């Protein structure tokens, strides 16, 4: 790790600070104990706004999954709107006044949620759904008796890199070339009951891949080259797509796009620099999970932790904690495992790793831990760990100032 916030000294200081907060909390804590450090969260939010260079930052709720944290980010000058991950979630955010501007990042065929959307003029005016196929429009039309309530639509365009006959990047949308995007845009514009308002181009191969990994110099150099080529290719392709969509102005009442969303926490500078892009998205950069530790462009402060109690001492140099198997989604590998973080000097075993019911830990500080002590872990991804708990404690210095519900704590499972 690099930087003062990743040093052993800082991690041991964090262990003492959170220990003091736990000791002062008036009620027994369930485990895993989820904590967000508000100082780090706010510092990360301010840095994301700085990196966006004046373009509004839309909050990626998938990377938070705690409504109070979504609201806290939105209260930061420079943030505006939410990028949700399901229509049901978007409806909840609007109904509970978390946001009146929600874009759903992924196409949906959720009949119950789409039915609720077309039945609510208020929700339909505040929520934008994502499409990349005429079938997504058909799914909406199959649920309504009339087109009196227009549905706001954004088109998801694949932002991957085509290089040397290969496709690099997330395999999201089937839409890549200008003609296919323009054809779907024309269909939306001409189809009653839909309002084309935006385009999304998420360049995951730029935003979501570390490019300065220790002991991986050759790989990191290749990743940086892919990012450079992606940014160049995307700038030309976005401009051509924007020109083709602008040619539809005046047809079917279309007055032009209201938004062009792009980027993620790892690509704010390059995404915001594209003149076609009107807004960027960030979420993971607010909490700083371990997959975001090795970027050249930014170094978020670790802000989210989960604590597990030591329940066994099977040997003098081994401390076993209860639970621990909060493994991140994506390709299976060591980088998806949780990282024992505080106190410093702990590591997972190669044989057992992070277990569902117990996790043995080795390392320099394992011998100093006692039964009942909490070990604080970082998750590889942002937002995902909060699916495993109902509340999150918000830390300010060496005290917890509030306990807030996660989506699960609200009885929600999106």
Foldseek 3Di string as FASTA:
>chain_A
DDDPLQDLVNQQVVQVLQVLQCVPDPDHDDPQAKAFAVVLLVVLLVVLLVLLPQFAAAEECLQALFLVSLLVSCVDPRHAHHAYADLVVLVVCVVVVSHQAYEHPAQDLPLVSLLVCQVDLSSQNRYEYEDQDVVSVVSNVVNDPDLPRAHEYEYEAELWDCDPNDTDADPGHPHYALVSLLVVLLVQLQDRNYAYAEYEYEGCLQAQAFQADPPPPVVSVVSVVRNVRSLVVNLVRLVSNQVSSVVCDPGSPHNHHNAYEYYESRCSNSQSVRPSHRYYYYHFSSQQFPSPCHHPVDHRNHTMKTKWFFADDPDLFKTKTFAQALFADDDDDPLRGKAQRPNPFKGFDPPQGGDGTMTMIGGDCRNVDDGGRITIIGGSGGNSVLVVDFWYFYDHGSHTDDIGGGCVVVVDDD
